[in-house]
């Protein structure tokens, strides 16, 4: 799979479980080896999953981690999506202008000023525990985030001098719910990465195939942008496949930050991975 681009989308706490489930289903069905990808690009939830995969971890282990009472993510409050600063920020993000750099900068200002349950140090420390290392993997791993001062995307690499756990935290820093994450005088958050960003990152890598995994219940209006992104990659001659989740996941009607739903989401992911296994095997050639 040296020529594969593994692209992992956002999806909150539940999305992490579902994506791990999909990968576990693919491992069981076709012996899929994520760590042998040419590049792994992770966005928000996908950056957490991507870090584990790039480090060679077994996606099945995520289910046991979810059941571990010492896992710091179990203690996070479920956000109120109906009212308050977080709800206001989400409304801006989902608006028709939610991806504009000006709107992203406005969201960033609200995010920096927001009163969050965790401090920045506490938030980053959580990722130090779950990522488990600040050493970047040998695999080309790119966690993505947004720059608060400009609204422009940031695609982290091992050459940026940022600890791995901090880069992943910046990708998962949902504005208004989690604190923004600082590095070298700038703040970063989970914000718009702009159109066709996977295509932009991978255009010079001479990939043979690209696989996108991300729950459509999370990406909402971004779903069409994701489809266009994958089409742009395909237009360069790269084979592509997209896994967005089945009706099983839709039926759960999830608050994506509800940690208690992660075991159910993992099982949905396992089934979705098995359903797509033949297509992924064909994709890999």
C-alpha atoms as a PDB file:
ATOM      1  CA  UNK A   1       0.000   0.000   0.000  1.00  0.00           C
ATOM      2  CA  UNK A   2       2.964   2.289  -0.549  1.00  0.00           C
ATOM      3  CA  UNK A   3       0.910   4.392  -2.948  1.00  0.00           C
ATOM      4  CA  UNK A   4      -2.177   4.868  -0.747  1.00  0.00           C
ATOM      5  CA  UNK A   5      -3.416   8.122   0.701  1.00  0.00           C
ATOM      6  CA  UNK A   6      -5.529   7.414   3.802  1.00  0.00           C
ATOM      7  CA  UNK A   7      -7.772  10.424   4.464  1.00  0.00           C
ATOM      8  CA  UNK A   8      -9.633  10.516   7.783  1.00  0.00           C
ATOM      9  CA  UNK A   9     -12.376  13.077   8.359  1.00  0.00           C
ATOM     10  CA  UNK A  10     -13.936  14.796  11.348  1.00  0.00           C
ATOM     11  CA  UNK A  11     -16.656  13.385  13.550  1.00  0.00           C
ATOM     12  CA  UNK A  12     -16.168  14.241  17.199  1.00  0.00           C
ATOM     13  CA  UNK A  13     -15.718  11.677  19.921  1.00  0.00           C
ATOM     14  CA  UNK A  14     -18.210   9.351  18.257  1.00  0.00           C
ATOM     15  CA  UNK A  15     -16.462   9.742  14.905  1.00  0.00           C
ATOM     16  CA  UNK A  16     -13.196   8.542  16.435  1.00  0.00           C
ATOM     17  CA  UNK A  17     -14.925   5.327  17.504  1.00  0.00           C
ATOM     18  CA  UNK A  18     -16.682   4.853  14.162  1.00  0.00           C
ATOM     19  CA  UNK A  19     -13.522   5.411  12.099  1.00  0.00           C
ATOM     20  CA  UNK A  20     -11.589   2.980  14.276  1.00  0.00           C
ATOM     21  CA  UNK A  21     -14.422   0.504  13.770  1.00  0.00           C
ATOM     22  CA  UNK A  22     -14.276   0.905   9.979  1.00  0.00           C
ATOM     23  CA  UNK A  23     -10.527   0.342  10.010  1.00  0.00           C
ATOM     24  CA  UNK A  24     -10.900  -2.665  12.312  1.00  0.00           C
ATOM     25  CA  UNK A  25     -13.508  -4.099   9.939  1.00  0.00           C
ATOM     26  CA  UNK A  26     -11.114  -3.675   7.018  1.00  0.00           C
ATOM     27  CA  UNK A  27      -8.280  -5.258   8.999  1.00  0.00           C
ATOM     28  CA  UNK A  28     -10.434  -8.297   9.758  1.00  0.00           C
ATOM     29  CA  UNK A  29     -11.819  -8.651   6.242  1.00  0.00           C
ATOM     30  CA  UNK A  30      -8.800  -7.990   4.008  1.00  0.00           C
ATOM     31  CA  UNK A  31      -5.785  -7.579   6.294  1.00  0.00           C
ATOM     32  CA  UNK A  32      -5.688  -3.807   5.721  1.00  0.00           C
ATOM     33  CA  UNK A  33      -2.487  -2.184   7.070  1.00  0.00           C
ATOM     34  CA  UNK A  34      -3.010   1.575   7.587  1.00  0.00           C
ATOM     35  CA  UNK A  35       0.585   2.200   8.687  1.00  0.00           C
ATOM     36  CA  UNK A  36       1.824   1.176   5.231  1.00  0.00           C
ATOM     37  CA  UNK A  37       0.038   4.126   3.606  1.00  0.00           C
ATOM     38  CA  UNK A  38       2.109   6.633   1.640  1.00  0.00           C
ATOM     39  CA  UNK A  39       0.425   9.452   3.586  1.00  0.00           C
ATOM     40  CA  UNK A  40      -2.208   9.704   6.326  1.00  0.00           C
ATOM     41  CA  UNK A  41      -4.142  12.973   6.537  1.00  0.00           C
ATOM     42  CA  UNK A  42      -6.262  13.484   9.649  1.00  0.00           C
ATOM     43  CA  UNK A  43      -8.889  16.136  10.292  1.00  0.00           C
ATOM     44  CA  UNK A  44     -10.228  16.612  13.823  1.00  0.00           C
ATOM     45  CA  UNK A  45     -11.393  13.126  14.892  1.00  0.00           C
ATOM     46  CA  UNK A  46      -9.404  11.794  11.959  1.00  0.00           C
ATOM     47  CA  UNK A  47      -6.195  13.272  13.331  1.00  0.00           C
ATOM     48  CA  UNK A  48      -6.603  11.278  16.537  1.00  0.00           C
ATOM     49  CA  UNK A  49      -7.322   8.077  14.623  1.00  0.00           C
ATOM     50  CA  UNK A  50      -4.627   8.910  12.079  1.00  0.00           C
ATOM     51  CA  UNK A  51      -1.975   9.350  14.751  1.00  0.00           C
ATOM     52  CA  UNK A  52      -2.742   5.906  16.140  1.00  0.00           C
ATOM     53  CA  UNK A  53      -2.681   4.328  12.680  1.00  0.00           C
ATOM     54  CA  UNK A  54       0.551   6.097  11.690  1.00  0.00           C
ATOM     55  CA  UNK A  55       2.124   4.818  14.908  1.00  0.00           C
ATOM     56  CA  UNK A  56       1.176   1.264  13.931  1.00  0.00           C
ATOM     57  CA  UNK A  57      -1.540   0.675  16.518  1.00  0.00           C
ATOM     58  CA  UNK A  58      -4.383  -1.801  16.173  1.00  0.00           C
ATOM     59  CA  UNK A  59      -7.759  -0.078  15.649  1.00  0.00           C
ATOM     60  CA  UNK A  60      -9.432  -2.862  17.650  1.00  0.00           C
ATOM     61  CA  UNK A  61      -7.694  -1.517  20.762  1.00  0.00           C
ATOM     62  CA  UNK A  62      -9.801   1.653  20.612  1.00  0.00           C
ATOM     63  CA  UNK A  63     -12.837  -0.213  21.933  1.00  0.00           C
ATOM     64  CA  UNK A  64     -10.947  -1.382  25.010  1.00  0.00           C
ATOM     65  CA  UNK A  65      -9.629   2.144  25.564  1.00  0.00           C
ATOM     66  CA  UNK A  66     -13.213   3.437  25.467  1.00  0.00           C
ATOM     67  CA  UNK A  67     -14.114   1.049  28.270  1.00  0.00           C
ATOM     68  CA  UNK A  68     -11.100   2.019  30.385  1.00  0.00           C
ATOM     69  CA  UNK A  69     -12.333   4.194  33.295  1.00  0.00           C
ATOM     70  CA  UNK A  70      -8.951   5.965  33.433  1.00  0.00           C
ATOM     71  CA  UNK A  71      -9.304   7.263  29.855  1.00  0.00           C
ATOM     72  CA  UNK A  72      -9.439  11.078  30.256  1.00  0.00           C
ATOM     73  CA  UNK A  73     -11.905  11.446  27.387  1.00  0.00           C
ATOM     74  CA  UNK A  74     -14.579   9.648  29.425  1.00  0.00           C
ATOM     75  CA  UNK A  75     -14.722  12.644  31.777  1.00  0.00           C
ATOM     76  CA  UNK A  76     -15.543  15.264  29.143  1.00  0.00           C
ATOM     77  CA  UNK A  77     -18.963  16.944  29.428  1.00  0.00           C
ATOM     78  CA  UNK A  78     -21.394  16.531  26.537  1.00  0.00           C
ATOM     79  CA  UNK A  79     -21.835  19.954  24.888  1.00  0.00           C
ATOM     80  CA  UNK A  80     -25.152  21.813  24.652  1.00  0.00           C
ATOM     81  CA  UNK A  81     -25.928  22.149  20.953  1.00  0.00           C
ATOM     82  CA  UNK A  82     -29.042  24.278  21.518  1.00  0.00           C
ATOM     83  CA  UNK A  83     -27.809  27.332  23.414  1.00  0.00           C
ATOM     84  CA  UNK A  84     -24.697  29.137  24.645  1.00  0.00           C
ATOM     85  CA  UNK A  85     -21.418  30.182  23.037  1.00  0.00           C
ATOM     86  CA  UNK A  86     -20.710  26.745  21.602  1.00  0.00           C
ATOM     87  CA  UNK A  87     -24.117  26.605  19.907  1.00  0.00           C
ATOM     88  CA  UNK A  88     -23.539  30.093  18.447  1.00  0.00           C
ATOM     89  CA  UNK A  89     -20.160  29.036  17.059  1.00  0.00           C
ATOM     90  CA  UNK A  90     -21.589  25.849  15.557  1.00  0.00           C
ATOM     91  CA  UNK A  91     -24.309  27.913  13.849  1.00  0.00           C
ATOM     92  CA  UNK A  92     -21.615  30.097  12.287  1.00  0.00           C
ATOM     93  CA  UNK A  93     -19.605  27.067  11.201  1.00  0.00           C
ATOM     94  CA  UNK A  94     -22.638  25.499   9.527  1.00  0.00           C
ATOM     95  CA  UNK A  95     -23.736  28.714   7.824  1.00  0.00           C
ATOM     96  CA  UNK A  96     -23.303  29.273   4.093  1.00  0.00           C
ATOM     97  CA  UNK A  97     -20.215  31.386   4.825  1.00  0.00           C
ATOM     98  CA  UNK A  98     -18.811  29.031   7.444  1.00  0.00           C
ATOM     99  CA  UNK A  99     -15.797  28.178   5.308  1.00  0.00           C
ATOM    100  CA  UNK A 100     -14.832  31.752   4.419  1.00  0.00           C
ATOM    101  CA  UNK A 101     -11.571  32.888   6.005  1.00  0.00           C
ATOM    102  CA  UNK A 102     -13.323  35.983   7.419  1.00  0.00           C
ATOM    103  CA  UNK A 103     -15.977  33.855   9.128  1.00  0.00           C
ATOM    104  CA  UNK A 104     -13.362  31.398  10.361  1.00  0.00           C
ATOM    105  CA  UNK A 105     -11.419  34.302  11.888  1.00  0.00           C
ATOM    106  CA  UNK A 106     -14.640  35.494  13.593  1.00  0.00           C
ATOM    107  CA  UNK A 107     -15.204  31.992  14.953  1.00  0.00           C
ATOM    108  CA  UNK A 108     -11.589  31.926  16.131  1.00  0.00           C
ATOM    109  CA  UNK A 109     -12.053  35.158  18.094  1.00  0.00           C
ATOM    110  CA  UNK A 110     -15.093  33.689  19.839  1.00  0.00           C
ATOM    111  CA  UNK A 111     -13.177  30.463  20.465  1.00  0.00           C
ATOM    112  CA  UNK A 112     -10.207  32.230  22.050  1.00  0.00           C
ATOM    113  CA  UNK A 113     -12.563  34.172  24.340  1.00  0.00           C
ATOM    114  CA  UNK A 114     -14.771  31.169  25.200  1.00  0.00           C
ATOM    115  CA  UNK A 115     -14.956  29.791  28.727  1.00  0.00           C
ATOM    116  CA  UNK A 116     -14.170  26.106  28.186  1.00  0.00           C
ATOM    117  CA  UNK A 117     -14.305  23.208  30.630  1.00  0.00           C
ATOM    118  CA  UNK A 118     -10.592  22.507  30.125  1.00  0.00           C
ATOM    119  CA  UNK A 119      -7.637  24.873  30.045  1.00  0.00           C
ATOM    120  CA  UNK A 120      -5.261  24.646  27.094  1.00  0.00           C
ATOM    121  CA  UNK A 121      -2.693  22.816  29.230  1.00  0.00           C
ATOM    122  CA  UNK A 122      -5.306  20.311  30.414  1.00  0.00           C
ATOM    123  CA  UNK A 123      -6.545  19.775  26.864  1.00  0.00           C
ATOM    124  CA  UNK A 124      -3.086  19.189  25.406  1.00  0.00           C
ATOM    125  CA  UNK A 125      -2.190  16.949  28.350  1.00  0.00           C
ATOM    126  CA  UNK A 126      -5.185  14.766  27.494  1.00  0.00           C
ATOM    127  CA  UNK A 127      -3.653  14.167  24.068  1.00  0.00           C
ATOM    128  CA  UNK A 128      -0.240  13.493  25.560  1.00  0.00           C
ATOM    129  CA  UNK A 129      -1.905  10.615  27.396  1.00  0.00           C
ATOM    130  CA  UNK A 130      -3.992   9.290  24.505  1.00  0.00           C
ATOM    131  CA  UNK A 131      -1.475   9.797  21.678  1.00  0.00           C
ATOM    132  CA  UNK A 132       1.197   8.530  24.039  1.00  0.00           C
ATOM    133  CA  UNK A 133       4.229  10.141  22.394  1.00  0.00           C
ATOM    134  CA  UNK A 134       5.480  13.417  20.991  1.00  0.00           C
ATOM    135  CA  UNK A 135       7.726  11.667  18.475  1.00  0.00           C
ATOM    136  CA  UNK A 136       6.389  11.852  14.944  1.00  0.00           C
ATOM    137  CA  UNK A 137       5.898   8.515  13.129  1.00  0.00           C
ATOM    138  CA  UNK A 138       7.916   7.397  10.123  1.00  0.00           C
ATOM    139  CA  UNK A 139       4.745   7.513   8.020  1.00  0.00           C
ATOM    140  CA  UNK A 140       4.020  10.895   6.403  1.00  0.00           C
ATOM    141  CA  UNK A 141       1.268  12.008   8.798  1.00  0.00           C
ATOM    142  CA  UNK A 142      -0.497  15.359   8.361  1.00  0.00           C
ATOM    143  CA  UNK A 143      -2.914  16.496  11.080  1.00  0.00           C
ATOM    144  CA  UNK A 144      -4.870  19.510   9.836  1.00  0.00           C
ATOM    145  CA  UNK A 145      -6.204  22.576  11.633  1.00  0.00           C
ATOM    146  CA  UNK A 146      -7.066  26.249  11.078  1.00  0.00           C
ATOM    147  CA  UNK A 147      -4.958  29.298  11.969  1.00  0.00           C
ATOM    148  CA  UNK A 148      -6.939  31.539  14.316  1.00  0.00           C
ATOM    149  CA  UNK A 149      -5.432  34.893  13.281  1.00  0.00           C
ATOM    150  CA  UNK A 150      -6.047  34.424   9.551  1.00  0.00           C
ATOM    151  CA  UNK A 151      -8.668  31.703   9.196  1.00  0.00           C
ATOM    152  CA  UNK A 152      -6.332  29.892   6.824  1.00  0.00           C
ATOM    153  CA  UNK A 153      -5.695  26.140   7.023  1.00  0.00           C
ATOM    154  CA  UNK A 154      -2.605  24.625   8.592  1.00  0.00           C
ATOM    155  CA  UNK A 155      -1.364  21.218   7.511  1.00  0.00           C
ATOM    156  CA  UNK A 156       1.160  20.058  10.108  1.00  0.00           C
ATOM    157  CA  UNK A 157       4.204  17.961   9.242  1.00  0.00           C
ATOM    158  CA  UNK A 158       7.046  16.460  11.229  1.00  0.00           C
ATOM    159  CA  UNK A 159       9.233  19.357  10.042  1.00  0.00           C
ATOM    160  CA  UNK A 160       7.160  22.047  11.788  1.00  0.00           C
ATOM    161  CA  UNK A 161       8.804  21.583  15.183  1.00  0.00           C
ATOM    162  CA  UNK A 162       5.521  21.016  17.019  1.00  0.00           C
ATOM    163  CA  UNK A 163       5.114  18.025  19.360  1.00  0.00           C
ATOM    164  CA  UNK A 164       2.866  15.349  17.857  1.00  0.00           C
ATOM    165  CA  UNK A 165       0.306  15.476  20.674  1.00  0.00           C
ATOM    166  CA  UNK A 166      -0.013  19.274  20.371  1.00  0.00           C
ATOM    167  CA  UNK A 167      -0.519  19.076  16.601  1.00  0.00           C
ATOM    168  CA  UNK A 168      -3.268  16.477  17.055  1.00  0.00           C
ATOM    169  CA  UNK A 169      -4.841  18.548  19.840  1.00  0.00           C
ATOM    170  CA  UNK A 170      -4.933  21.609  17.566  1.00  0.00           C
ATOM    171  CA  UNK A 171      -6.828  19.589  14.963  1.00  0.00           C
ATOM    172  CA  UNK A 172      -9.366  18.459  17.575  1.00  0.00           C
ATOM    173  CA  UNK A 173      -9.800  21.872  19.259  1.00  0.00           C
ATOM    174  CA  UNK A 174     -13.507  22.299  18.509  1.00  0.00           C
ATOM    175  CA  UNK A 175     -14.076  26.057  18.896  1.00  0.00           C
ATOM    176  CA  UNK A 176     -16.108  27.039  21.931  1.00  0.00           C
ATOM    177  CA  UNK A 177     -16.043  23.530  23.379  1.00  0.00           C
ATOM    178  CA  UNK A 178     -12.291  23.053  23.676  1.00  0.00           C
ATOM    179  CA  UNK A 179      -9.611  25.748  24.030  1.00  0.00           C
ATOM    180  CA  UNK A 180      -7.555  26.838  21.045  1.00  0.00           C
ATOM    181  CA  UNK A 181      -4.032  25.404  20.956  1.00  0.00           C
ATOM    182  CA  UNK A 182      -0.972  27.631  20.737  1.00  0.00           C
ATOM    183  CA  UNK A 183       2.364  27.072  19.028  1.00  0.00           C
ATOM    184  CA  UNK A 184       5.128  29.550  18.213  1.00  0.00           C
ATOM    185  CA  UNK A 185       2.978  32.588  18.994  1.00  0.00           C
ATOM    186  CA  UNK A 186      -0.102  31.500  17.013  1.00  0.00           C
ATOM    187  CA  UNK A 187      -3.367  29.853  18.029  1.00  0.00           C
ATOM    188  CA  UNK A 188      -4.955  26.967  16.116  1.00  0.00           C
ATOM    189  CA  UNK A 189      -8.346  25.281  16.182  1.00  0.00           C
ATOM    190  CA  UNK A 190     -10.605  22.780  14.461  1.00  0.00           C
ATOM    191  CA  UNK A 191     -11.883  25.030  11.654  1.00  0.00           C
ATOM    192  CA  UNK A 192     -12.349  25.180   7.907  1.00  0.00           C
ATOM    193  CA  UNK A 193      -9.463  23.732   5.902  1.00  0.00           C
ATOM    194  CA  UNK A 194     -10.714  25.256   2.666  1.00  0.00           C
ATOM    195  CA  UNK A 195     -11.980  23.551  -0.511  1.00  0.00           C
ATOM    196  CA  UNK A 196     -10.170  20.601  -2.096  1.00  0.00           C
ATOM    197  CA  UNK A 197      -7.556  20.508   0.647  1.00  0.00           C
ATOM    198  CA  UNK A 198      -6.889  16.779   0.389  1.00  0.00           C
ATOM    199  CA  UNK A 199      -6.276  17.234  -3.325  1.00  0.00           C
ATOM    200  CA  UNK A 200      -3.906  20.123  -2.596  1.00  0.00           C
ATOM    201  CA  UNK A 201      -1.876  18.121  -0.070  1.00  0.00           C
ATOM    202  CA  UNK A 202      -1.607  14.992  -2.225  1.00  0.00           C
ATOM    203  CA  UNK A 203      -1.164  16.494  -5.700  1.00  0.00           C
ATOM    204  CA  UNK A 204       2.617  15.999  -5.870  1.00  0.00           C
ATOM    205  CA  UNK A 205       2.777  12.594  -4.152  1.00  0.00           C
ATOM    206  CA  UNK A 206       2.062  10.383  -7.190  1.00  0.00           C
ATOM    207  CA  UNK A 207      -0.492   8.324  -5.270  1.00  0.00           C
ATOM    208  CA  UNK A 208      -1.992   5.186  -6.764  1.00  0.00           C
ATOM    209  CA  UNK A 209      -5.128   5.304  -4.605  1.00  0.00           C
ATOM    210  CA  UNK A 210      -6.908   7.447  -2.013  1.00  0.00           C
ATOM    211  CA  UNK A 211      -9.363   6.215   0.623  1.00  0.00           C
ATOM    212  CA  UNK A 212     -11.539   8.689   2.543  1.00  0.00           C
ATOM    213  CA  UNK A 213     -13.205   7.582   5.781  1.00  0.00           C
ATOM    214  CA  UNK A 214     -15.432  10.050   7.640  1.00  0.00           C
ATOM    215  CA  UNK A 215     -19.027   9.946   8.954  1.00  0.00           C
ATOM    216  CA  UNK A 216     -21.446  11.952   6.820  1.00  0.00           C
ATOM    217  CA  UNK A 217     -23.533  12.668   9.930  1.00  0.00           C
ATOM    218  CA  UNK A 218     -20.604  14.796  11.106  1.00  0.00           C
ATOM    219  CA  UNK A 219     -19.491  16.612   7.986  1.00  0.00           C
ATOM    220  CA  UNK A 220     -22.983  17.817   7.019  1.00  0.00           C
ATOM    221  CA  UNK A 221     -22.742  20.593   4.418  1.00  0.00           C
ATOM    222  CA  UNK A 222     -19.075  19.688   3.964  1.00  0.00           C
ATOM    223  CA  UNK A 223     -20.143  16.348   2.461  1.00  0.00           C
ATOM    224  CA  UNK A 224     -20.454  17.860  -1.007  1.00  0.00           C
ATOM    225  CA  UNK A 225     -17.052  19.526  -0.603  1.00  0.00           C
ATOM    226  CA  UNK A 226     -15.602  16.137   0.342  1.00  0.00           C
ATOM    227  CA  UNK A 227     -17.093  14.554  -2.770  1.00  0.00           C
ATOM    228  CA  UNK A 228     -15.631  17.352  -4.917  1.00  0.00           C
ATOM    229  CA  UNK A 229     -12.289  16.939  -3.142  1.00  0.00           C
ATOM    230  CA  UNK A 230     -12.206  13.232  -3.973  1.00  0.00           C
ATOM    231  CA  UNK A 231     -13.287  13.939  -7.551  1.00  0.00           C
ATOM    232  CA  UNK A 232     -10.372  16.359  -7.895  1.00  0.00           C
ATOM    233  CA  UNK A 233      -8.018  13.619  -6.714  1.00  0.00           C
ATOM    234  CA  UNK A 234      -9.594  11.138  -9.137  1.00  0.00           C
ATOM    235  CA  UNK A 235      -9.161  13.617 -11.993  1.00  0.00           C
ATOM    236  CA  UNK A 236      -5.388  13.227 -11.572  1.00  0.00           C
ATOM    237  CA  UNK A 237      -5.659   9.505 -12.340  1.00  0.00           C
ATOM    238  CA  UNK A 238      -5.713   8.307  -8.721  1.00  0.00           C
ATOM    239  CA  UNK A 239      -8.171   5.528  -7.831  1.00  0.00           C
ATOM    240  CA  UNK A 240     -10.522   6.675  -5.057  1.00  0.00           C
ATOM    241  CA  UNK A 241     -13.086   5.263  -2.653  1.00  0.00           C
ATOM    242  CA  UNK A 242     -15.162   7.002   0.014  1.00  0.00           C
ATOM    243  CA  UNK A 243     -16.729   5.523   3.172  1.00  0.00           C
ATOM    244  CA  UNK A 244     -19.236   7.905   4.783  1.00  0.00           C
ATOM    245  CA  UNK A 245     -21.266   5.586   6.984  1.00  0.00           C
ATOM    246  CA  UNK A 246     -24.437   3.601   6.448  1.00  0.00           C
ATOM    247  CA  UNK A 247     -27.979   3.889   7.762  1.00  0.00           C
ATOM    248  CA  UNK A 248     -26.766   2.038  10.863  1.00  0.00           C
ATOM    249  CA  UNK A 249     -24.844   5.113  11.964  1.00  0.00           C
ATOM    250  CA  UNK A 250     -27.636   7.481  10.939  1.00  0.00           C
ATOM    251  CA  UNK A 251     -30.088   5.494  13.061  1.00  0.00           C
ATOM    252  CA  UNK A 252     -28.126   6.190  16.244  1.00  0.00           C
ATOM    253  CA  UNK A 253     -29.089   9.920  16.017  1.00  0.00           C
ATOM    254  CA  UNK A 254     -25.949  10.883  17.852  1.00  0.00           C
ATOM    255  CA  UNK A 255     -24.609  13.913  19.604  1.00  0.00           C
ATOM    256  CA  UNK A 256     -21.115  13.425  18.212  1.00  0.00           C
ATOM    257  CA  UNK A 257     -19.478  14.367  21.512  1.00  0.00           C
ATOM    258  CA  UNK A 258     -21.515  11.873  23.581  1.00  0.00           C
ATOM    259  CA  UNK A 259     -18.799   9.517  24.789  1.00  0.00           C
ATOM    260  CA  UNK A 260     -21.321   6.913  25.964  1.00  0.00           C
ATOM    261  CA  UNK A 261     -22.266   6.205  22.332  1.00  0.00           C
ATOM    262  CA  UNK A 262     -18.765   5.254  21.240  1.00  0.00           C
ATOM    263  CA  UNK A 263     -19.143   1.463  21.671  1.00  0.00           C
ATOM    264  CA  UNK A 264     -22.257   1.515  19.454  1.00  0.00           C
ATOM    265  CA  UNK A 265     -20.459   3.698  16.896  1.00  0.00           C
ATOM    266  CA  UNK A 266     -17.477   1.327  16.863  1.00  0.00           C
ATOM    267  CA  UNK A 267     -19.750  -1.632  16.116  1.00  0.00           C
ATOM    268  CA  UNK A 268     -21.434   0.352  13.318  1.00  0.00           C
ATOM    269  CA  UNK A 269     -17.994   1.104  11.933  1.00  0.00           C
ATOM    270  CA  UNK A 270     -16.974  -2.558  12.038  1.00  0.00           C
ATOM    271  CA  UNK A 271     -20.034  -3.453   9.973  1.00  0.00           C
ATOM    272  CA  UNK A 272     -19.450  -0.572   7.546  1.00  0.00           C
ATOM    273  CA  UNK A 273     -15.822  -1.603   7.122  1.00  0.00           C
ATOM    274  CA  UNK A 274     -16.863  -5.162   6.327  1.00  0.00           C
ATOM    275  CA  UNK A 275     -19.425  -3.872   3.815  1.00  0.00           C
ATOM    276  CA  UNK A 276     -16.754  -1.862   1.971  1.00  0.00           C
ATOM    277  CA  UNK A 277     -13.968  -4.445   2.217  1.00  0.00           C
ATOM    278  CA  UNK A 278     -14.325  -5.780  -1.328  1.00  0.00           C
ATOM    279  CA  UNK A 279     -14.278  -2.257  -2.792  1.00  0.00           C
ATOM    280  CA  UNK A 280     -11.218  -1.315  -0.729  1.00  0.00           C
ATOM    281  CA  UNK A 281      -9.421  -4.507  -1.779  1.00  0.00           C
ATOM    282  CA  UNK A 282     -10.125  -3.590  -5.400  1.00  0.00           C
ATOM    283  CA  UNK A 283      -8.935  -0.033  -4.720  1.00  0.00           C
ATOM    284  CA  UNK A 284      -5.607  -1.286  -3.392  1.00  0.00           C
ATOM    285  CA  UNK A 285      -5.067  -3.408  -6.499  1.00  0.00           C
END
